[in-house]
Amino acid sequence: MKLTPAQAALFRECIALTLEAHDEDAMTELCTGSPRRELENITKGVTRMPENASAICIFTLGQLHSIYASITHAVVALPSEETFHIRTGFYRENAIALANSMRSAVRDCMRSDL
């Protein structure tokens, strides 16, 4: 997946928000499909991206699910558009569009394998 620095920052913030909301590993795994350490590893992976250029990041299907779940969690958990934008640097509708694009890309890949 090709990510811009802003998209990588969104992933990091949404994962951080998810980790803050669920201090127990079991709850984190229930809500994202991954244990806490896996979310931390995803965050480390997108942190290594160049700050001013897009980069290719390779994620497993499980990692994509966890990122998707973290984005959707942030959309629901942050109470206002302003709070969402301040925390993530994205407008809520753009974050939702990114999550939907991820879902569509995975669906298209699954169809092309058939």
N, C-alpha and C. Protein backbone atom coordinates (compact mmCIF):
# COMPACT_ATOMS: atom_id res chain seq x y z
N MET A 1 0.85 -1.16 0.00
CA MET A 1 0.00 0.00 0.00
C MET A 1 0.90 1.23 0.00
N LYS A 2 0.62 2.17 -0.89
CA LYS A 2 1.38 3.40 -0.94
C LYS A 2 0.73 4.41 0.00
N LEU A 3 1.51 4.90 0.96
CA LEU A 3 1.00 5.83 1.96
C LEU A 3 1.70 7.17 1.86
N THR A 4 0.92 8.22 2.01
CA THR A 4 1.50 9.54 2.15
C THR A 4 1.90 9.73 3.61
N PRO A 5 2.76 10.69 3.91
CA PRO A 5 3.08 10.95 5.32
C PRO A 5 1.84 11.28 6.16
N ALA A 6 0.88 11.99 5.58
CA ALA A 6 -0.34 12.32 6.33
C ALA A 6 -1.16 11.07 6.63
N GLN A 7 -1.24 10.14 5.69
CA GLN A 7 -1.96 8.90 5.93
C GLN A 7 -1.27 8.07 7.01
N ALA A 8 0.05 8.02 6.96
CA ALA A 8 0.81 7.29 7.98
C ALA A 8 0.56 7.91 9.36
N ALA A 9 0.53 9.23 9.41
CA ALA A 9 0.25 9.92 10.68
C ALA A 9 -1.15 9.59 11.19
N LEU A 10 -2.12 9.52 10.27
CA LEU A 10 -3.48 9.13 10.65
C LEU A 10 -3.48 7.73 11.24
N PHE A 11 -2.80 6.79 10.59
CA PHE A 11 -2.72 5.43 11.11
C PHE A 11 -2.14 5.43 12.52
N ARG A 12 -1.04 6.15 12.73
CA ARG A 12 -0.40 6.19 14.04
C ARG A 12 -1.34 6.76 15.11
N GLU A 13 -2.01 7.87 14.79
CA GLU A 13 -2.89 8.50 15.77
C GLU A 13 -4.10 7.63 16.09
N CYS A 14 -4.67 7.00 15.08
CA CYS A 14 -5.84 6.15 15.32
C CYS A 14 -5.47 4.92 16.14
N ILE A 15 -4.30 4.35 15.85
CA ILE A 15 -3.83 3.22 16.65
C ILE A 15 -3.55 3.67 18.08
N ALA A 16 -2.91 4.82 18.24
CA ALA A 16 -2.63 5.35 19.59
C ALA A 16 -3.92 5.56 20.37
N LEU A 17 -4.93 6.12 19.71
CA LEU A 17 -6.21 6.34 20.36
C LEU A 17 -6.84 5.01 20.78
N THR A 18 -6.75 4.01 19.93
CA THR A 18 -7.29 2.69 20.25
C THR A 18 -6.56 2.10 21.44
N LEU A 19 -5.23 2.22 21.46
CA LEU A 19 -4.46 1.68 22.58
C LEU A 19 -4.78 2.42 23.88
N GLU A 20 -5.00 3.72 23.80
CA GLU A 20 -5.38 4.50 24.99
C GLU A 20 -6.73 4.06 25.54
N ALA A 21 -7.64 3.73 24.64
CA ALA A 21 -9.00 3.38 25.05
C ALA A 21 -9.10 1.98 25.65
N HIS A 22 -8.18 1.11 25.26
CA HIS A 22 -8.24 -0.29 25.70
C HIS A 22 -6.93 -0.66 26.36
N ASP A 23 -6.90 -0.56 27.67
CA ASP A 23 -5.65 -0.82 28.37
C ASP A 23 -5.39 -2.31 28.60
N GLU A 24 -6.38 -3.14 28.36
CA GLU A 24 -6.18 -4.58 28.51
C GLU A 24 -5.99 -5.20 27.13
N ASP A 25 -5.04 -6.12 27.04
CA ASP A 25 -4.72 -6.74 25.76
C ASP A 25 -5.92 -7.46 25.16
N ALA A 26 -6.72 -8.10 26.00
CA ALA A 26 -7.89 -8.84 25.49
C ALA A 26 -8.88 -7.90 24.81
N MET A 27 -9.10 -6.73 25.39
CA MET A 27 -10.02 -5.76 24.78
C MET A 27 -9.45 -5.20 23.48
N THR A 28 -8.16 -4.94 23.48
CA THR A 28 -7.52 -4.45 22.26
C THR A 28 -7.68 -5.47 21.14
N GLU A 29 -7.43 -6.73 21.47
CA GLU A 29 -7.55 -7.79 20.45
C GLU A 29 -9.00 -7.98 20.01
N LEU A 30 -9.93 -7.89 20.93
CA LEU A 30 -11.34 -8.01 20.57
C LEU A 30 -11.74 -6.91 19.59
N CYS A 31 -11.30 -5.69 19.85
CA CYS A 31 -11.72 -4.55 19.04
C CYS A 31 -10.95 -4.39 17.74
N THR A 32 -9.73 -4.93 17.65
CA THR A 32 -8.93 -4.71 16.44
C THR A 32 -8.51 -6.00 15.75
N GLY A 33 -8.65 -7.12 16.43
CA GLY A 33 -8.19 -8.38 15.85
C GLY A 33 -6.72 -8.65 16.10
N SER A 34 -6.05 -7.74 16.80
CA SER A 34 -4.62 -7.90 17.06
C SER A 34 -4.30 -7.58 18.51
N PRO A 35 -3.29 -8.26 19.06
CA PRO A 35 -2.85 -7.89 20.40
C PRO A 35 -2.12 -6.55 20.36
N ARG A 36 -1.97 -5.96 21.51
CA ARG A 36 -1.34 -4.64 21.66
C ARG A 36 0.03 -4.58 20.98
N ARG A 37 0.86 -5.59 21.16
CA ARG A 37 2.21 -5.53 20.59
C ARG A 37 2.18 -5.49 19.06
N GLU A 38 1.17 -6.11 18.45
CA GLU A 38 1.06 -6.05 16.99
C GLU A 38 0.71 -4.63 16.54
N LEU A 39 -0.18 -3.98 17.26
CA LEU A 39 -0.50 -2.60 16.94
C LEU A 39 0.72 -1.70 17.11
N GLU A 40 1.49 -1.97 18.14
CA GLU A 40 2.73 -1.20 18.34
C GLU A 40 3.71 -1.43 17.20
N ASN A 41 3.78 -2.67 16.70
CA ASN A 41 4.65 -2.98 15.56
C ASN A 41 4.18 -2.27 14.28
N ILE A 42 2.88 -2.21 14.08
CA ILE A 42 2.34 -1.48 12.91
C ILE A 42 2.75 -0.02 13.01
N THR A 43 2.60 0.55 14.20
CA THR A 43 2.96 1.95 14.41
C THR A 43 4.44 2.18 14.12
N LYS A 44 5.30 1.29 14.59
CA LYS A 44 6.73 1.41 14.32
C LYS A 44 7.01 1.36 12.83
N GLY A 45 6.29 0.48 12.12
CA GLY A 45 6.49 0.36 10.68
C GLY A 45 6.14 1.62 9.92
N VAL A 46 5.05 2.26 10.27
CA VAL A 46 4.68 3.49 9.56
C VAL A 46 5.46 4.69 10.07
N THR A 47 6.07 4.58 11.24
CA THR A 47 6.91 5.66 11.76
C THR A 47 8.22 5.74 10.98
N ARG A 48 8.68 4.63 10.45
CA ARG A 48 9.94 4.59 9.70
C ARG A 48 9.85 5.21 8.31
N MET A 49 8.66 5.63 7.92
CA MET A 49 8.49 6.23 6.60
C MET A 49 9.19 7.58 6.51
N PRO A 50 9.61 7.96 5.30
CA PRO A 50 10.16 9.31 5.15
C PRO A 50 9.09 10.35 5.49
N GLU A 51 9.50 11.46 6.08
CA GLU A 51 8.54 12.47 6.54
C GLU A 51 7.92 13.29 5.41
N ASN A 52 8.59 13.36 4.28
CA ASN A 52 8.09 14.25 3.22
C ASN A 52 7.85 13.55 1.89
N ALA A 53 7.77 12.23 1.91
CA ALA A 53 7.53 11.51 0.65
C ALA A 53 6.65 10.30 0.91
N SER A 54 5.89 9.92 -0.11
CA SER A 54 5.08 8.71 -0.01
C SER A 54 6.00 7.50 0.01
N ALA A 55 5.53 6.44 0.59
CA ALA A 55 6.32 5.21 0.66
C ALA A 55 5.40 4.01 0.54
N ILE A 56 5.96 2.92 0.09
CA ILE A 56 5.23 1.66 0.01
C ILE A 56 5.36 0.96 1.35
N CYS A 57 4.23 0.60 1.92
CA CYS A 57 4.19 -0.18 3.15
C CYS A 57 3.46 -1.48 2.85
N ILE A 58 4.00 -2.55 3.34
CA ILE A 58 3.37 -3.86 3.13
C ILE A 58 2.75 -4.29 4.45
N PHE A 59 1.45 -4.58 4.38
CA PHE A 59 0.70 -5.02 5.55
C PHE A 59 0.06 -6.36 5.26
N THR A 60 -0.06 -7.18 6.29
CA THR A 60 -0.82 -8.41 6.16
C THR A 60 -2.31 -8.06 6.21
N LEU A 61 -3.15 -9.01 5.86
CA LEU A 61 -4.59 -8.78 5.94
C LEU A 61 -5.00 -8.48 7.38
N GLY A 62 -4.41 -9.19 8.33
CA GLY A 62 -4.71 -8.93 9.74
C GLY A 62 -4.31 -7.53 10.17
N GLN A 63 -3.16 -7.07 9.70
CA GLN A 63 -2.72 -5.71 10.03
C GLN A 63 -3.65 -4.68 9.41
N LEU A 64 -4.07 -4.91 8.16
CA LEU A 64 -5.01 -4.00 7.52
C LEU A 64 -6.32 -3.94 8.30
N HIS A 65 -6.77 -5.10 8.78
CA HIS A 65 -7.99 -5.13 9.60
C HIS A 65 -7.81 -4.27 10.86
N SER A 66 -6.66 -4.41 11.50
CA SER A 66 -6.40 -3.65 12.72
C SER A 66 -6.35 -2.14 12.45
N ILE A 67 -5.74 -1.75 11.34
CA ILE A 67 -5.69 -0.34 10.96
C ILE A 67 -7.11 0.16 10.68
N TYR A 68 -7.86 -0.60 9.90
CA TYR A 68 -9.24 -0.25 9.57
C TYR A 68 -10.07 -0.09 10.85
N ALA A 69 -9.93 -1.06 11.75
CA ALA A 69 -10.68 -1.01 13.01
C ALA A 69 -10.27 0.20 13.85
N SER A 70 -8.99 0.54 13.83
CA SER A 70 -8.53 1.71 14.60
C SER A 70 -9.07 3.00 14.01
N ILE A 71 -9.11 3.09 12.68
CA ILE A 71 -9.67 4.29 12.06
C ILE A 71 -11.15 4.41 12.40
N THR A 72 -11.89 3.33 12.26
CA THR A 72 -13.32 3.40 12.55
C THR A 72 -13.56 3.67 14.04
N HIS A 73 -12.70 3.16 14.90
CA HIS A 73 -12.80 3.47 16.33
C HIS A 73 -12.62 4.97 16.57
N ALA A 74 -11.63 5.55 15.93
CA ALA A 74 -11.37 6.98 16.12
C ALA A 74 -12.53 7.83 15.63
N VAL A 75 -13.14 7.42 14.51
CA VAL A 75 -14.28 8.17 13.97
C VAL A 75 -15.41 8.22 14.99
N VAL A 76 -15.61 7.13 15.69
CA VAL A 76 -16.69 7.05 16.67
C VAL A 76 -16.28 7.64 18.02
N ALA A 77 -15.03 7.43 18.42
CA ALA A 77 -14.60 7.79 19.77
C ALA A 77 -14.36 9.28 19.98
N LEU A 78 -13.95 9.98 18.94
CA LEU A 78 -13.67 11.41 19.12
C LEU A 78 -14.96 12.19 18.95
N PRO A 79 -15.35 12.97 19.93
CA PRO A 79 -16.70 13.52 20.01
C PRO A 79 -17.07 14.60 18.98
N SER A 80 -16.10 15.31 18.46
CA SER A 80 -16.47 16.38 17.54
C SER A 80 -15.53 16.38 16.34
N GLU A 81 -15.98 17.02 15.29
CA GLU A 81 -15.15 17.16 14.09
C GLU A 81 -13.86 17.89 14.41
N GLU A 82 -13.96 18.93 15.23
CA GLU A 82 -12.78 19.71 15.59
C GLU A 82 -11.78 18.85 16.37
N THR A 83 -12.26 18.10 17.34
CA THR A 83 -11.39 17.23 18.13
C THR A 83 -10.75 16.18 17.23
N PHE A 84 -11.54 15.61 16.33
CA PHE A 84 -11.00 14.61 15.41
C PHE A 84 -9.89 15.22 14.57
N HIS A 85 -10.12 16.39 14.02
CA HIS A 85 -9.13 17.03 13.15
C HIS A 85 -7.87 17.42 13.93
N ILE A 86 -8.03 17.95 15.12
CA ILE A 86 -6.87 18.32 15.93
C ILE A 86 -6.03 17.09 16.25
N ARG A 87 -6.69 16.00 16.62
CA ARG A 87 -5.96 14.79 17.02
C ARG A 87 -5.30 14.09 15.84
N THR A 88 -6.00 14.01 14.70
CA THR A 88 -5.52 13.19 13.59
C THR A 88 -4.93 13.97 12.42
N GLY A 89 -5.29 15.25 12.31
CA GLY A 89 -4.86 16.01 11.14
C GLY A 89 -5.72 15.76 9.92
N PHE A 90 -6.77 14.98 10.08
CA PHE A 90 -7.69 14.64 8.98
C PHE A 90 -9.09 15.12 9.34
N TYR A 91 -9.87 15.38 8.32
CA TYR A 91 -11.30 15.56 8.53
C TYR A 91 -11.92 14.17 8.59
N ARG A 92 -12.96 14.05 9.39
CA ARG A 92 -13.61 12.76 9.60
C ARG A 92 -14.00 12.09 8.28
N GLU A 93 -14.58 12.86 7.36
CA GLU A 93 -15.03 12.25 6.09
C GLU A 93 -13.86 11.74 5.25
N ASN A 94 -12.69 12.38 5.38
CA ASN A 94 -11.52 11.90 4.65
C ASN A 94 -10.98 10.61 5.26
N ALA A 95 -11.03 10.51 6.58
CA ALA A 95 -10.61 9.28 7.25
C ALA A 95 -11.55 8.13 6.88
N ILE A 96 -12.84 8.41 6.85
CA ILE A 96 -13.81 7.39 6.46
C ILE A 96 -13.57 6.96 5.02
N ALA A 97 -13.30 7.92 4.14
CA ALA A 97 -13.02 7.60 2.74
C ALA A 97 -11.77 6.74 2.61
N LEU A 98 -10.74 7.03 3.40
CA LEU A 98 -9.53 6.22 3.36
C LEU A 98 -9.82 4.80 3.82
N ALA A 99 -10.56 4.65 4.91
CA ALA A 99 -10.93 3.31 5.40
C ALA A 99 -11.75 2.57 4.34
N ASN A 100 -12.68 3.25 3.70
CA ASN A 100 -13.47 2.61 2.65
C ASN A 100 -12.61 2.22 1.45
N SER A 101 -11.63 3.05 1.12
CA SER A 101 -10.72 2.73 0.02
C SER A 101 -9.88 1.51 0.34
N MET A 102 -9.45 1.41 1.59
CA MET A 102 -8.70 0.21 2.01
C MET A 102 -9.56 -1.03 1.85
N ARG A 103 -10.80 -0.93 2.30
CA ARG A 103 -11.73 -2.07 2.20
C ARG A 103 -11.94 -2.46 0.74
N SER A 104 -12.14 -1.46 -0.11
CA SER A 104 -12.37 -1.72 -1.53
C SER A 104 -11.14 -2.33 -2.19
N ALA A 105 -9.96 -1.85 -1.82
CA ALA A 105 -8.72 -2.39 -2.41
C ALA A 105 -8.54 -3.86 -2.02
N VAL A 106 -8.82 -4.19 -0.77
CA VAL A 106 -8.70 -5.59 -0.34
C VAL A 106 -9.73 -6.44 -1.08
N ARG A 107 -10.95 -5.94 -1.18
CA ARG A 107 -11.99 -6.67 -1.91
C ARG A 107 -11.56 -6.92 -3.35
N ASP A 108 -11.03 -5.90 -4.02
CA ASP A 108 -10.60 -6.03 -5.41
C ASP A 108 -9.46 -7.05 -5.53
N CYS A 109 -8.54 -7.04 -4.58
CA CYS A 109 -7.44 -8.01 -4.60
C CYS A 109 -7.96 -9.44 -4.42
N MET A 110 -8.92 -9.58 -3.54
CA MET A 110 -9.49 -10.91 -3.29
C MET A 110 -10.20 -11.41 -4.55
N ARG A 111 -10.89 -10.54 -5.24
CA ARG A 111 -11.59 -10.92 -6.46
C ARG A 111 -10.62 -11.28 -7.58
N SER A 112 -9.50 -10.57 -7.65
CA SER A 112 -8.54 -10.83 -8.72
C SER A 112 -7.81 -12.15 -8.53
N ASP A 113 -7.79 -12.68 -7.27
CA ASP A 113 -7.15 -13.96 -7.00
C ASP A 113 -8.02 -15.14 -7.42
N LEU A 114 -9.30 -14.89 -7.64
CA LEU A 114 -10.22 -16.00 -7.98
C LEU A 114 -10.05 -16.47 -9.38
